[in-house]
Amino acid sequence: MSSEGQALVAEELIDSLDRGRFELYRGGDLVGWLYYTHLKPNRYALRHTEVESSHQHQGVAGAMVRRVLDEIRAREGTITAICPFVVGFLSQTTTYADLIDARHPGYSDRAAAESARAKAVG
């Protein structure tokens, strides 16, 4: 079986400060982004995740959230989970539980996050 079609694609996470988002690039192409607000002292409110339509259903969002959470951990920051996807991701693992800000955790489940988002948009 040939492994030519399974070559690893270079992946890079960029903090685009001017846009207020983390951007995930694969093979040099922007494939997804996660909007955040950086709050004092070092808390990140993770607000909204998007994936380019041509890259949806390829695990981009999950990979990006993992990379973002790892980056925030490296910065010794905490998070407030507002984005429904991030909330759902966190509900499936305890790996990042230490990053959740105790005073401002955000939403505890995806349904609550989606409901709040619908009210804000509507």
PDB file of N, CA and C in Angstrom:
ATOM      1  N   MET A   1       0.839  -1.181   0.000  1.00  0.00           N
ATOM      2  CA  MET A   1       0.000   0.000   0.000  1.00  0.00           C
ATOM      3  C   MET A   1       0.883   1.242   0.000  1.00  0.00           C
ATOM      4  N   SER A   2       0.602   2.178  -0.852  1.00  0.00           N
ATOM      5  CA  SER A   2       1.396   3.388  -0.983  1.00  0.00           C
ATOM      6  C   SER A   2       1.021   4.398   0.096  1.00  0.00           C
ATOM      7  N   SER A   3       2.008   5.120   0.602  1.00  0.00           N
ATOM      8  CA  SER A   3       1.737   6.156   1.595  1.00  0.00           C
ATOM      9  C   SER A   3       1.873   7.553   0.991  1.00  0.00           C
ATOM     10  N   GLU A   4       1.970   7.625  -0.334  1.00  0.00           N
ATOM     11  CA  GLU A   4       2.138   8.919  -0.992  1.00  0.00           C
ATOM     12  C   GLU A   4       0.981   9.860  -0.690  1.00  0.00           C
ATOM     13  N   GLY A   5      -0.226   9.374  -0.670  1.00  0.00           N
ATOM     14  CA  GLY A   5      -1.394  10.217  -0.423  1.00  0.00           C
ATOM     15  C   GLY A   5      -1.595  10.541   1.036  1.00  0.00           C
ATOM     16  N   GLN A   6      -0.770   9.959   1.907  1.00  0.00           N
ATOM     17  CA  GLN A   6      -0.920  10.179   3.337  1.00  0.00           C
ATOM     18  C   GLN A   6       0.213  11.032   3.900  1.00  0.00           C
ATOM     19  N   ALA A   7       0.869  11.796   3.073  1.00  0.00           N
ATOM     20  CA  ALA A   7       1.968  12.641   3.534  1.00  0.00           C
ATOM     21  C   ALA A   7       1.440  13.675   4.528  1.00  0.00           C
ATOM     22  N   LEU A   8       2.235  13.939   5.554  1.00  0.00           N
ATOM     23  CA  LEU A   8       1.838  14.919   6.554  1.00  0.00           C
ATOM     24  C   LEU A   8       1.909  16.326   5.961  1.00  0.00           C
ATOM     25  N   VAL A   9       0.897  17.104   6.268  1.00  0.00           N
ATOM     26  CA  VAL A   9       0.843  18.487   5.803  1.00  0.00           C
ATOM     27  C   VAL A   9       1.283  19.380   6.957  1.00  0.00           C
ATOM     28  N   ALA A  10       2.164  20.316   6.677  1.00  0.00           N
ATOM     29  CA  ALA A  10       2.637  21.242   7.705  1.00  0.00           C
ATOM     30  C   ALA A  10       1.472  22.056   8.245  1.00  0.00           C
ATOM     31  N   GLU A  11       1.413  22.147   9.560  1.00  0.00           N
ATOM     32  CA  GLU A  11       0.331  22.867  10.229  1.00  0.00           C
ATOM     33  C   GLU A  11       0.945  23.949  11.104  1.00  0.00           C
ATOM     34  N   GLU A  12       0.369  25.144  11.056  1.00  0.00           N
ATOM     35  CA  GLU A  12       0.907  26.265  11.821  1.00  0.00           C
ATOM     36  C   GLU A  12      -0.233  27.070  12.421  1.00  0.00           C
ATOM     37  N   LEU A  13      -0.107  27.398  13.710  1.00  0.00           N
ATOM     38  CA  LEU A  13      -1.080  28.246  14.392  1.00  0.00           C
ATOM     39  C   LEU A  13      -0.478  29.635  14.540  1.00  0.00           C
ATOM     40  N   ILE A  14      -1.205  30.634  14.093  1.00  0.00           N
ATOM     41  CA  ILE A  14      -0.759  32.031  14.160  1.00  0.00           C
ATOM     42  C   ILE A  14      -1.740  32.812  15.023  1.00  0.00           C
ATOM     43  N   ASP A  15      -1.221  33.652  15.910  1.00  0.00           N
ATOM     44  CA  ASP A  15      -2.064  34.555  16.690  1.00  0.00           C
ATOM     45  C   ASP A  15      -2.140  35.868  15.915  1.00  0.00           C
ATOM     46  N   SER A  16      -3.262  36.087  15.260  1.00  0.00           N
ATOM     47  CA  SER A  16      -3.461  37.305  14.474  1.00  0.00           C
ATOM     48  C   SER A  16      -4.048  38.372  15.395  1.00  0.00           C
ATOM     49  N   LEU A  17      -3.165  39.089  16.076  1.00  0.00           N
ATOM     50  CA  LEU A  17      -3.588  40.078  17.072  1.00  0.00           C
ATOM     51  C   LEU A  17      -4.510  41.143  16.495  1.00  0.00           C
ATOM     52  N   ASP A  18      -4.211  41.604  15.282  1.00  0.00           N
ATOM     53  CA  ASP A  18      -5.019  42.666  14.685  1.00  0.00           C
ATOM     54  C   ASP A  18      -6.435  42.202  14.366  1.00  0.00           C
ATOM     55  N   ARG A  19      -6.633  40.907  14.172  1.00  0.00           N
ATOM     56  CA  ARG A  19      -7.966  40.372  13.887  1.00  0.00           C
ATOM     57  C   ARG A  19      -8.623  39.759  15.112  1.00  0.00           C
ATOM     58  N   GLY A  20      -7.856  39.628  16.199  1.00  0.00           N
ATOM     59  CA  GLY A  20      -8.391  39.039  17.422  1.00  0.00           C
ATOM     60  C   GLY A  20      -8.763  37.581  17.242  1.00  0.00           C
ATOM     61  N   ARG A  21      -7.890  36.845  16.556  1.00  0.00           N
ATOM     62  CA  ARG A  21      -8.185  35.437  16.334  1.00  0.00           C
ATOM     63  C   ARG A  21      -6.902  34.638  16.158  1.00  0.00           C
ATOM     64  N   PHE A  22      -7.010  33.367  16.513  1.00  0.00           N
ATOM     65  CA  PHE A  22      -5.972  32.405  16.187  1.00  0.00           C
ATOM     66  C   PHE A  22      -6.329  31.837  14.826  1.00  0.00           C
ATOM     67  N   GLU A  23      -5.339  31.660  13.971  1.00  0.00           N
ATOM     68  CA  GLU A  23      -5.564  31.137  12.621  1.00  0.00           C
ATOM     69  C   GLU A  23      -4.763  29.856  12.447  1.00  0.00           C
ATOM     70  N   LEU A  24      -5.403  28.844  11.881  1.00  0.00           N
ATOM     71  CA  LEU A  24      -4.723  27.584  11.606  1.00  0.00           C
ATOM     72  C   LEU A  24      -4.470  27.482  10.113  1.00  0.00           C
ATOM     73  N   TYR A  25      -3.197  27.250   9.777  1.00  0.00           N
ATOM     74  CA  TYR A  25      -2.781  27.078   8.390  1.00  0.00           C
ATOM     75  C   TYR A  25      -2.325  25.641   8.195  1.00  0.00           C
ATOM     76  N   ARG A  26      -2.736  25.047   7.092  1.00  0.00           N
ATOM     77  CA  ARG A  26      -2.272  23.715   6.697  1.00  0.00           C
ATOM     78  C   ARG A  26      -1.700  23.825   5.296  1.00  0.00           C
ATOM     79  N   GLY A  27      -0.448  23.445   5.164  1.00  0.00           N
ATOM     80  CA  GLY A  27       0.206  23.541   3.869  1.00  0.00           C
ATOM     81  C   GLY A  27       0.200  24.960   3.328  1.00  0.00           C
ATOM     82  N   GLY A  28       0.238  25.934   4.226  1.00  0.00           N
ATOM     83  CA  GLY A  28       0.245  27.343   3.827  1.00  0.00           C
ATOM     84  C   GLY A  28      -1.129  27.944   3.593  1.00  0.00           C
ATOM     85  N   ASP A  29      -2.180  27.131   3.626  1.00  0.00           N
ATOM     86  CA  ASP A  29      -3.542  27.625   3.397  1.00  0.00           C
ATOM     87  C   ASP A  29      -4.261  27.866   4.720  1.00  0.00           C
ATOM     88  N   LEU A  30      -4.948  28.996   4.823  1.00  0.00           N
ATOM     89  CA  LEU A  30      -5.773  29.282   5.997  1.00  0.00           C
ATOM     90  C   LEU A  30      -6.980  28.351   5.961  1.00  0.00           C
ATOM     91  N   VAL A  31      -7.108  27.502   6.977  1.00  0.00           N
ATOM     92  CA  VAL A  31      -8.200  26.522   6.982  1.00  0.00           C
ATOM     93  C   VAL A  31      -9.220  26.772   8.087  1.00  0.00           C
ATOM     94  N   GLY A  32      -8.851  27.521   9.117  1.00  0.00           N
ATOM     95  CA  GLY A  32      -9.793  27.800  10.189  1.00  0.00           C
ATOM     96  C   GLY A  32      -9.283  28.884  11.110  1.00  0.00           C
ATOM     97  N   TRP A  33     -10.190  29.421  11.935  1.00  0.00           N
ATOM     98  CA  TRP A  33      -9.809  30.463  12.877  1.00  0.00           C
ATOM     99  C   TRP A  33     -10.745  30.434  14.067  1.00  0.00           C
ATOM    100  N   LEU A  34     -10.238  30.930  15.186  1.00  0.00           N
ATOM    101  CA  LEU A  34     -10.986  30.979  16.429  1.00  0.00           C
ATOM    102  C   LEU A  34     -10.856  32.394  16.991  1.00  0.00           C
ATOM    103  N   TYR A  35     -11.989  33.121  17.016  1.00  0.00           N
ATOM    104  CA  TYR A  35     -12.004  34.485  17.545  1.00  0.00           C
ATOM    105  C   TYR A  35     -11.938  34.455  19.066  1.00  0.00           C
ATOM    106  N   TYR A  36     -11.184  35.387  19.616  1.00  0.00           N
ATOM    107  CA  TYR A  36     -11.059  35.479  21.070  1.00  0.00           C
ATOM    108  C   TYR A  36     -10.990  36.938  21.490  1.00  0.00           C
ATOM    109  N   THR A  37     -11.200  37.165  22.777  1.00  0.00           N
ATOM    110  CA  THR A  37     -10.957  38.458  23.395  1.00  0.00           C
ATOM    111  C   THR A  37      -9.956  38.207  24.504  1.00  0.00           C
ATOM    112  N   HIS A  38      -8.859  38.952  24.510  1.00  0.00           N
ATOM    113  CA  HIS A  38      -7.834  38.792  25.545  1.00  0.00           C
ATOM    114  C   HIS A  38      -8.160  39.755  26.671  1.00  0.00           C
ATOM    115  N   LEU A  39      -8.429  39.186  27.824  1.00  0.00           N
ATOM    116  CA  LEU A  39      -8.844  39.965  28.992  1.00  0.00           C
ATOM    117  C   LEU A  39      -7.763  39.938  30.064  1.00  0.00           C
ATOM    118  N   LYS A  40      -7.822  40.870  30.977  1.00  0.00           N
ATOM    119  CA  LYS A  40      -6.857  40.943  32.078  1.00  0.00           C
ATOM    120  C   LYS A  40      -7.214  39.905  33.132  1.00  0.00           C
ATOM    121  N   PRO A  41      -6.253  39.327  33.859  1.00  0.00           N
ATOM    122  CA  PRO A  41      -4.830  39.533  33.654  1.00  0.00           C
ATOM    123  C   PRO A  41      -4.302  38.729  32.467  1.00  0.00           C
ATOM    124  N   ASN A  42      -4.747  37.502  32.285  1.00  0.00           N
ATOM    125  CA  ASN A  42      -4.289  36.718  31.129  1.00  0.00           C
ATOM    126  C   ASN A  42      -5.360  35.672  30.797  1.00  0.00           C
ATOM    127  N   ARG A  43      -6.567  36.179  30.573  1.00  0.00           N
ATOM    128  CA  ARG A  43      -7.699  35.292  30.295  1.00  0.00           C
ATOM    129  C   ARG A  43      -8.133  35.499  28.852  1.00  0.00           C
ATOM    130  N   TYR A  44      -8.455  34.387  28.203  1.00  0.00           N
ATOM    131  CA  TYR A  44      -8.910  34.418  26.814  1.00  0.00           C
ATOM    132  C   TYR A  44     -10.369  33.964  26.765  1.00  0.00           C
ATOM    133  N   ALA A  45     -11.242  34.839  26.319  1.00  0.00           N
ATOM    134  CA  ALA A  45     -12.635  34.462  26.089  1.00  0.00           C
ATOM    135  C   ALA A  45     -12.698  33.918  24.662  1.00  0.00           C
ATOM    136  N   LEU A  46     -12.900  32.610  24.542  1.00  0.00           N
ATOM    137  CA  LEU A  46     -12.936  31.959  23.226  1.00  0.00           C
ATOM    138  C   LEU A  46     -14.354  32.068  22.701  1.00  0.00           C
ATOM    139  N   ARG A  47     -14.542  32.926  21.671  1.00  0.00           N
ATOM    140  CA  ARG A  47     -15.873  33.351  21.257  1.00  0.00           C
ATOM    141  C   ARG A  47     -16.489  32.603  20.089  1.00  0.00           C
ATOM    142  N   HIS A  48     -15.701  32.285  19.065  1.00  0.00           N
ATOM    143  CA  HIS A  48     -16.324  31.719  17.861  1.00  0.00           C
ATOM    144  C   HIS A  48     -15.286  30.999  17.006  1.00  0.00           C
ATOM    145  N   THR A  49     -15.627  29.796  16.573  1.00  0.00           N
ATOM    146  CA  THR A  49     -14.760  28.988  15.723  1.00  0.00           C
ATOM    147  C   THR A  49     -15.348  28.890  14.323  1.00  0.00           C
ATOM    148  N   GLU A  50     -14.512  29.057  13.314  1.00  0.00           N
ATOM    149  CA  GLU A  50     -14.952  28.901  11.923  1.00  0.00           C
ATOM    150  C   GLU A  50     -13.923  28.083  11.153  1.00  0.00           C
ATOM    151  N   VAL A  51     -14.427  27.327  10.176  1.00  0.00           N
ATOM    152  CA  VAL A  51     -13.575  26.525   9.296  1.00  0.00           C
ATOM    153  C   VAL A  51     -13.955  26.851   7.858  1.00  0.00           C
ATOM    154  N   GLU A  52     -12.940  27.025   7.015  1.00  0.00           N
ATOM    155  CA  GLU A  52     -13.196  27.245   5.583  1.00  0.00           C
ATOM    156  C   GLU A  52     -14.088  26.124   5.062  1.00  0.00           C
ATOM    157  N   SER A  53     -15.058  26.469   4.238  1.00  0.00           N
ATOM    158  CA  SER A  53     -16.024  25.474   3.756  1.00  0.00           C
ATOM    159  C   SER A  53     -15.351  24.297   3.048  1.00  0.00           C
ATOM    160  N   SER A  54     -14.268  24.556   2.351  1.00  0.00           N
ATOM    161  CA  SER A  54     -13.580  23.472   1.629  1.00  0.00           C
ATOM    162  C   SER A  54     -12.813  22.535   2.570  1.00  0.00           C
ATOM    163  N   HIS A  55     -12.727  22.879   3.859  1.00  0.00           N
ATOM    164  CA  HIS A  55     -11.996  22.060   4.831  1.00  0.00           C
ATOM    165  C   HIS A  55     -12.893  21.526   5.945  1.00  0.00           C
ATOM    166  N   GLN A  56     -14.195  21.718   5.821  1.00  0.00           N
ATOM    167  CA  GLN A  56     -15.105  21.228   6.851  1.00  0.00           C
ATOM    168  C   GLN A  56     -15.154  19.709   6.837  1.00  0.00           C
ATOM    169  N   HIS A  57     -15.457  19.127   7.992  1.00  0.00           N
ATOM    170  CA  HIS A  57     -15.578  17.671   8.178  1.00  0.00           C
ATOM    171  C   HIS A  57     -14.241  16.953   7.957  1.00  0.00           C
ATOM    172  N   GLN A  58     -13.150  17.658   8.245  1.00  0.00           N
ATOM    173  CA  GLN A  58     -11.819  17.071   8.110  1.00  0.00           C
ATOM    174  C   GLN A  58     -11.035  17.152   9.425  1.00  0.00           C
ATOM    175  N   GLY A  59     -11.742  17.456  10.522  1.00  0.00           N
ATOM    176  CA  GLY A  59     -11.088  17.537  11.825  1.00  0.00           C
ATOM    177  C   GLY A  59     -10.351  18.827  12.089  1.00  0.00           C
ATOM    178  N   VAL A  60     -10.576  19.826  11.251  1.00  0.00           N
ATOM    179  CA  VAL A  60      -9.864  21.102  11.398  1.00  0.00           C
ATOM    180  C   VAL A  60     -10.217  21.793  12.711  1.00  0.00           C
ATOM    181  N   ALA A  61     -11.499  21.884  13.027  1.00  0.00           N
ATOM    182  CA  ALA A  61     -11.922  22.621  14.229  1.00  0.00           C
ATOM    183  C   ALA A  61     -11.337  21.994  15.488  1.00  0.00           C
ATOM    184  N   GLY A  62     -11.405  20.683  15.594  1.00  0.00           N
ATOM    185  CA  GLY A  62     -10.857  20.011  16.765  1.00  0.00           C
ATOM    186  C   GLY A  62      -9.357  20.200  16.885  1.00  0.00           C
ATOM    187  N   ALA A  63      -8.657  20.065  15.764  1.00  0.00           N
ATOM    188  CA  ALA A  63      -7.199  20.254  15.761  1.00  0.00           C
ATOM    189  C   ALA A  63      -6.851  21.683  16.152  1.00  0.00           C
ATOM    190  N   MET A  64      -7.616  22.631  15.650  1.00  0.00           N
ATOM    191  CA  MET A  64      -7.355  24.035  15.950  1.00  0.00           C
ATOM    192  C   MET A  64      -7.594  24.329  17.429  1.00  0.00           C
ATOM    193  N   VAL A  65      -8.701  23.836  17.974  1.00  0.00           N
ATOM    194  CA  VAL A  65      -8.991  24.081  19.384  1.00  0.00           C
ATOM    195  C   VAL A  65      -7.892  23.487  20.260  1.00  0.00           C
ATOM    196  N   ARG A  66      -7.436  22.284  19.963  1.00  0.00           N
ATOM    197  CA  ARG A  66      -6.327  21.683  20.718  1.00  0.00           C
ATOM    198  C   ARG A  66      -5.078  22.568  20.656  1.00  0.00           C
ATOM    199  N   ARG A  67      -4.755  23.037  19.461  1.00  0.00           N
ATOM    200  CA  ARG A  67      -3.560  23.885  19.292  1.00  0.00           C
ATOM    201  C   ARG A  67      -3.714  25.197  20.064  1.00  0.00           C
ATOM    202  N   VAL A  68      -4.910  25.798  20.002  1.00  0.00           N
ATOM    203  CA  VAL A  68      -5.158  27.055  20.724  1.00  0.00           C
ATOM    204  C   VAL A  68      -5.041  26.831  22.231  1.00  0.00           C
ATOM    205  N   LEU A  69      -5.646  25.772  22.741  1.00  0.00           N
ATOM    206  CA  LEU A  69      -5.581  25.500  24.170  1.00  0.00           C
ATOM    207  C   LEU A  69      -4.149  25.210  24.618  1.00  0.00           C
ATOM    208  N   ASP A  70      -3.401  24.507  23.803  1.00  0.00           N
ATOM    209  CA  ASP A  70      -1.993  24.262  24.124  1.00  0.00           C
ATOM    210  C   ASP A  70      -1.204  25.572  24.151  1.00  0.00           C
ATOM    211  N   GLU A  71      -1.503  26.463  23.217  1.00  0.00           N
ATOM    212  CA  GLU A  71      -0.829  27.767  23.169  1.00  0.00           C
ATOM    213  C   GLU A  71      -1.171  28.598  24.409  1.00  0.00           C
ATOM    214  N   ILE A  72      -2.439  28.614  24.793  1.00  0.00           N
ATOM    215  CA  ILE A  72      -2.849  29.379  25.980  1.00  0.00           C
ATOM    216  C   ILE A  72      -2.197  28.793  27.231  1.00  0.00           C
ATOM    217  N   ARG A  73      -2.105  27.473  27.293  1.00  0.00           N
ATOM    218  CA  ARG A  73      -1.410  26.833  28.423  1.00  0.00           C
ATOM    219  C   ARG A  73       0.052  27.279  28.451  1.00  0.00           C
ATOM    220  N   ALA A  74       0.710  27.312  27.304  1.00  0.00           N
ATOM    221  CA  ALA A  74       2.112  27.739  27.237  1.00  0.00           C
ATOM    222  C   ALA A  74       2.266  29.196  27.684  1.00  0.00           C
ATOM    223  N   ARG A  75       1.239  29.990  27.487  1.00  0.00           N
ATOM    224  CA  ARG A  75       1.256  31.403  27.902  1.00  0.00           C
ATOM    225  C   ARG A  75       0.824  31.563  29.361  1.00  0.00           C
ATOM    226  N   GLU A  76       0.529  30.442  30.020  1.00  0.00           N
ATOM    227  CA  GLU A  76       0.061  30.424  31.404  1.00  0.00           C
ATOM    228  C   GLU A  76      -1.224  31.230  31.565  1.00  0.00           C
ATOM    229  N   GLY A  77      -2.101  31.112  30.567  1.00  0.00           N
ATOM    230  CA  GLY A  77      -3.376  31.813  30.595  1.00  0.00           C
ATOM    231  C   GLY A  77      -4.512  30.914  31.041  1.00  0.00           C
ATOM    232  N   THR A  78      -5.688  31.517  31.142  1.00  0.00           N
ATOM    233  CA  THR A  78      -6.912  30.777  31.429  1.00  0.00           C
ATOM    234  C   THR A  78      -7.918  31.096  30.327  1.00  0.00           C
ATOM    235  N   ILE A  79      -9.003  30.322  30.295  1.00  0.00           N
ATOM    236  CA  ILE A  79     -10.016  30.535  29.261  1.00  0.00           C
ATOM    237  C   ILE A  79     -11.410  30.691  29.861  1.00  0.00           C
ATOM    238  N   THR A  80     -12.225  31.409  29.120  1.00  0.00           N
ATOM    239  CA  THR A  80     -13.659  31.463  29.343  1.00  0.00           C
ATOM    240  C   THR A  80     -14.269  30.930  28.059  1.00  0.00           C
ATOM    241  N   ALA A  81     -14.986  29.813  28.165  1.00  0.00           N
ATOM    242  CA  ALA A  81     -15.529  29.135  26.986  1.00  0.00           C
ATOM    243  C   ALA A  81     -16.911  29.673  26.638  1.00  0.00           C
ATOM    244  N   ILE A  82     -16.988  30.378  25.519  1.00  0.00           N
ATOM    245  CA  ILE A  82     -18.241  30.948  25.031  1.00  0.00           C
ATOM    246  C   ILE A  82     -18.682  30.253  23.747  1.00  0.00           C
ATOM    247  N   CYS A  83     -17.747  29.930  22.886  1.00  0.00           N
ATOM    248  CA  CYS A  83     -18.028  29.275  21.604  1.00  0.00           C
ATOM    249  C   CYS A  83     -18.631  27.887  21.830  1.00  0.00           C
ATOM    250  N   PRO A  84     -19.791  27.604  21.213  1.00  0.00           N
ATOM    251  CA  PRO A  84     -20.411  26.286  21.391  1.00  0.00           C
ATOM    252  C   PRO A  84     -19.488  25.121  21.026  1.00  0.00           C
ATOM    253  N   PHE A  85     -18.688  25.268  19.977  1.00  0.00           N
ATOM    254  CA  PHE A  85     -17.790  24.174  19.604  1.00  0.00           C
ATOM    255  C   PHE A  85     -16.745  23.938  20.687  1.00  0.00           C
ATOM    256  N   VAL A  86     -16.159  25.007  21.207  1.00  0.00           N
ATOM    257  CA  VAL A  86     -15.149  24.892  22.262  1.00  0.00           C
ATOM    258  C   VAL A  86     -15.772  24.254  23.505  1.00  0.00           C
ATOM    259  N   VAL A  87     -16.972  24.701  23.875  1.00  0.00           N
ATOM    260  CA  VAL A  87     -17.659  24.137  25.037  1.00  0.00           C
ATOM    261  C   VAL A  87     -17.879  22.632  24.843  1.00  0.00           C
ATOM    262  N   GLY A  88     -18.341  22.239  23.656  1.00  0.00           N
ATOM    263  CA  GLY A  88     -18.540  20.825  23.357  1.00  0.00           C
ATOM    264  C   GLY A  88     -17.239  20.049  23.412  1.00  0.00           C
ATOM    265  N   PHE A  89     -16.176  20.625  22.874  1.00  0.00           N
ATOM    266  CA  PHE A  89     -14.857  19.991  22.893  1.00  0.00           C
ATOM    267  C   PHE A  89     -14.410  19.752  24.331  1.00  0.00           C
ATOM    268  N   LEU A  90     -14.532  20.778  25.172  1.00  0.00           N
ATOM    269  CA  LEU A  90     -14.094  20.673  26.565  1.00  0.00           C
ATOM    270  C   LEU A  90     -14.924  19.667  27.358  1.00  0.00           C
ATOM    271  N   SER A  91     -16.183  19.499  26.968  1.00  0.00           N
ATOM    272  CA  SER A  91     -17.044  18.556  27.689  1.00  0.00           C
ATOM    273  C   SER A  91     -16.657  17.101  27.417  1.00  0.00           C
ATOM    274  N   GLN A  92     -15.835  16.875  26.410  1.00  0.00           N
ATOM    275  CA  GLN A  92     -15.438  15.520  26.035  1.00  0.00           C
ATOM    276  C   GLN A  92     -14.050  15.131  26.543  1.00  0.00           C
ATOM    277  N   THR A  93     -13.400  16.022  27.289  1.00  0.00           N
ATOM    278  CA  THR A  93     -12.058  15.730  27.784  1.00  0.00           C
ATOM    279  C   THR A  93     -11.799  16.495  29.075  1.00  0.00           C
ATOM    280  N   THR A  94     -10.930  15.959  29.902  1.00  0.00           N
ATOM    281  CA  THR A  94     -10.499  16.678  31.099  1.00  0.00           C
ATOM    282  C   THR A  94      -9.079  17.225  30.930  1.00  0.00           C
ATOM    283  N   THR A  95      -8.506  17.007  29.758  1.00  0.00           N
ATOM    284  CA  THR A  95      -7.125  17.404  29.484  1.00  0.00           C
ATOM    285  C   THR A  95      -6.892  18.902  29.708  1.00  0.00           C
ATOM    286  N   TYR A  96      -7.901  19.705  29.445  1.00  0.00           N
ATOM    287  CA  TYR A  96      -7.734  21.159  29.526  1.00  0.00           C
ATOM    288  C   TYR A  96      -8.535  21.781  30.666  1.00  0.00           C
ATOM    289  N   ALA A  97      -9.017  20.969  31.598  1.00  0.00           N
ATOM    290  CA  ALA A  97      -9.843  21.471  32.702  1.00  0.00           C
ATOM    291  C   ALA A  97      -9.110  22.527  33.526  1.00  0.00           C
ATOM    292  N   ASP A  98      -7.788  22.393  33.642  1.00  0.00           N
ATOM    293  CA  ASP A  98      -6.999  23.352  34.421  1.00  0.00           C
ATOM    294  C   ASP A  98      -6.958  24.742  33.790  1.00  0.00           C
ATOM    295  N   LEU A  99      -7.325  24.862  32.525  1.00  0.00           N
ATOM    296  CA  LEU A  99      -7.294  26.165  31.850  1.00  0.00           C
ATOM    297  C   LEU A  99      -8.560  26.977  32.079  1.00  0.00           C
ATOM    298  N   ILE A 100      -9.629  26.339  32.492  1.00  0.00           N
ATOM    299  CA  ILE A 100     -10.914  27.032  32.639  1.00  0.00           C
ATOM    300  C   ILE A 100     -10.841  27.977  33.833  1.00  0.00           C
ATOM    301  N   ASP A 101     -11.119  29.242  33.593  1.00  0.00           N
ATOM    302  CA  ASP A 101     -11.051  30.262  34.629  1.00  0.00           C
ATOM    303  C   ASP A 101     -12.134  29.996  35.678  1.00  0.00           C
ATOM    304  N   ALA A 102     -11.727  29.848  36.932  1.00  0.00           N
ATOM    305  CA  ALA A 102     -12.658  29.488  38.006  1.00  0.00           C
ATOM    306  C   ALA A 102     -13.733  30.555  38.224  1.00  0.00           C
ATOM    307  N   ARG A 103     -13.375  31.813  38.087  1.00  0.00           N
ATOM    308  CA  ARG A 103     -14.343  32.898  38.325  1.00  0.00           C
ATOM    309  C   ARG A 103     -15.219  33.168  37.110  1.00  0.00           C
ATOM    310  N   HIS A 104     -14.707  32.887  35.929  1.00  0.00           N
ATOM    311  CA  HIS A 104     -15.419  33.163  34.677  1.00  0.00           C
ATOM    312  C   HIS A 104     -15.278  31.971  33.739  1.00  0.00           C
ATOM    313  N   PRO A 105     -15.936  30.855  34.050  1.00  0.00           N
ATOM    314  CA  PRO A 105     -15.728  29.647  33.243  1.00  0.00           C
ATOM    315  C   PRO A 105     -16.398  29.678  31.874  1.00  0.00           C
ATOM    316  N   GLY A 106     -17.428  30.498  31.715  1.00  0.00           N
ATOM    317  CA  GLY A 106     -18.181  30.479  30.468  1.00  0.00           C
ATOM    318  C   GLY A 106     -19.325  29.496  30.593  1.00  0.00           C
ATOM    319  N   TYR A 107     -19.697  28.861  29.490  1.00  0.00           N
ATOM    320  CA  TYR A 107     -20.838  27.944  29.486  1.00  0.00           C
ATOM    321  C   TYR A 107     -20.394  26.537  29.857  1.00  0.00           C
ATOM    322  N   SER A 108     -21.276  25.841  30.558  1.00  0.00           N
ATOM    323  CA  SER A 108     -20.938  24.495  31.026  1.00  0.00           C
ATOM    324  C   SER A 108     -21.307  23.415  30.027  1.00  0.00           C
ATOM    325  N   ASP A 109     -22.198  23.738  29.081  1.00  0.00           N
ATOM    326  CA  ASP A 109     -22.542  22.735  28.070  1.00  0.00           C
ATOM    327  C   ASP A 109     -22.865  23.426  26.751  1.00  0.00           C
ATOM    328  N   ARG A 110     -22.773  22.659  25.683  1.00  0.00           N
ATOM    329  CA  ARG A 110     -22.932  23.198  24.330  1.00  0.00           C
ATOM    330  C   ARG A 110     -24.328  23.783  24.097  1.00  0.00           C
ATOM    331  N   ALA A 111     -25.354  23.143  24.633  1.00  0.00           N
ATOM    332  CA  ALA A 111     -26.731  23.627  24.440  1.00  0.00           C
ATOM    333  C   ALA A 111     -26.899  25.033  25.018  1.00  0.00           C
ATOM    334  N   ALA A 112     -26.351  25.265  26.200  1.00  0.00           N
ATOM    335  CA  ALA A 112     -26.440  26.594  26.826  1.00  0.00           C
ATOM    336  C   ALA A 112     -25.696  27.626  25.988  1.00  0.00           C
ATOM    337  N   ALA A 113     -24.529  27.254  25.467  1.00  0.00           N
ATOM    338  CA  ALA A 113     -23.739  28.167  24.636  1.00  0.00           C
ATOM    339  C   ALA A 113     -24.479  28.491  23.338  1.00  0.00           C
ATOM    340  N   GLU A 114     -25.077  27.474  22.715  1.00  0.00           N
ATOM    341  CA  GLU A 114     -25.822  27.702  21.472  1.00  0.00           C
ATOM    342  C   GLU A 114     -27.061  28.548  21.712  1.00  0.00           C
ATOM    343  N   SER A 115     -27.740  28.324  22.828  1.00  0.00           N
ATOM    344  CA  SER A 115     -28.923  29.115  23.168  1.00  0.00           C
ATOM    345  C   SER A 115     -28.558  30.583  23.364  1.00  0.00           C
ATOM    346  N   ALA A 116     -27.494  30.826  24.093  1.00  0.00           N
ATOM    347  CA  ALA A 116     -27.039  32.202  24.315  1.00  0.00           C
ATOM    348  C   ALA A 116     -26.628  32.863  23.011  1.00  0.00           C
ATOM    349  N   ARG A 117     -25.973  32.115  22.136  1.00  0.00           N
ATOM    350  CA  ARG A 117     -25.544  32.656  20.843  1.00  0.00           C
ATOM    351  C   ARG A 117     -26.756  33.017  19.996  1.00  0.00           C
ATOM    352  N   ALA A 118     -27.776  32.152  20.005  1.00  0.00           N
ATOM    353  CA  ALA A 118     -28.997  32.403  19.226  1.00  0.00           C
ATOM    354  C   ALA A 118     -29.703  33.676  19.722  1.00  0.00           C
ATOM    355  N   LYS A 119     -29.727  33.871  21.020  1.00  0.00           N
ATOM    356  CA  LYS A 119     -30.363  35.066  21.595  1.00  0.00           C
ATOM    357  C   LYS A 119     -29.585  36.330  21.218  1.00  0.00           C
ATOM    358  N   ALA A 120     -28.265  36.228  21.220  1.00  0.00           N
ATOM    359  CA  ALA A 120     -27.423  37.382  20.888  1.00  0.00           C
ATOM    360  C   ALA A 120     -27.553  37.759  19.422  1.00  0.00           C
ATOM    361  N   VAL A 121     -27.691  36.763  18.549  1.00  0.00           N
ATOM    362  CA  VAL A 121     -27.790  37.012  17.111  1.00  0.00           C
ATOM    363  C   VAL A 121     -29.188  37.481  16.741  1.00  0.00           C
ATOM    364  N   GLY A 122     -30.192  36.848  17.359  1.00  0.00           N
ATOM    365  CA  GLY A 122     -31.590  37.118  17.016  1.00  0.00           C
ATOM    366  C   GLY A 122     -32.049  38.405  17.531  1.00  0.00           C
TER     367      GLY A 122
END
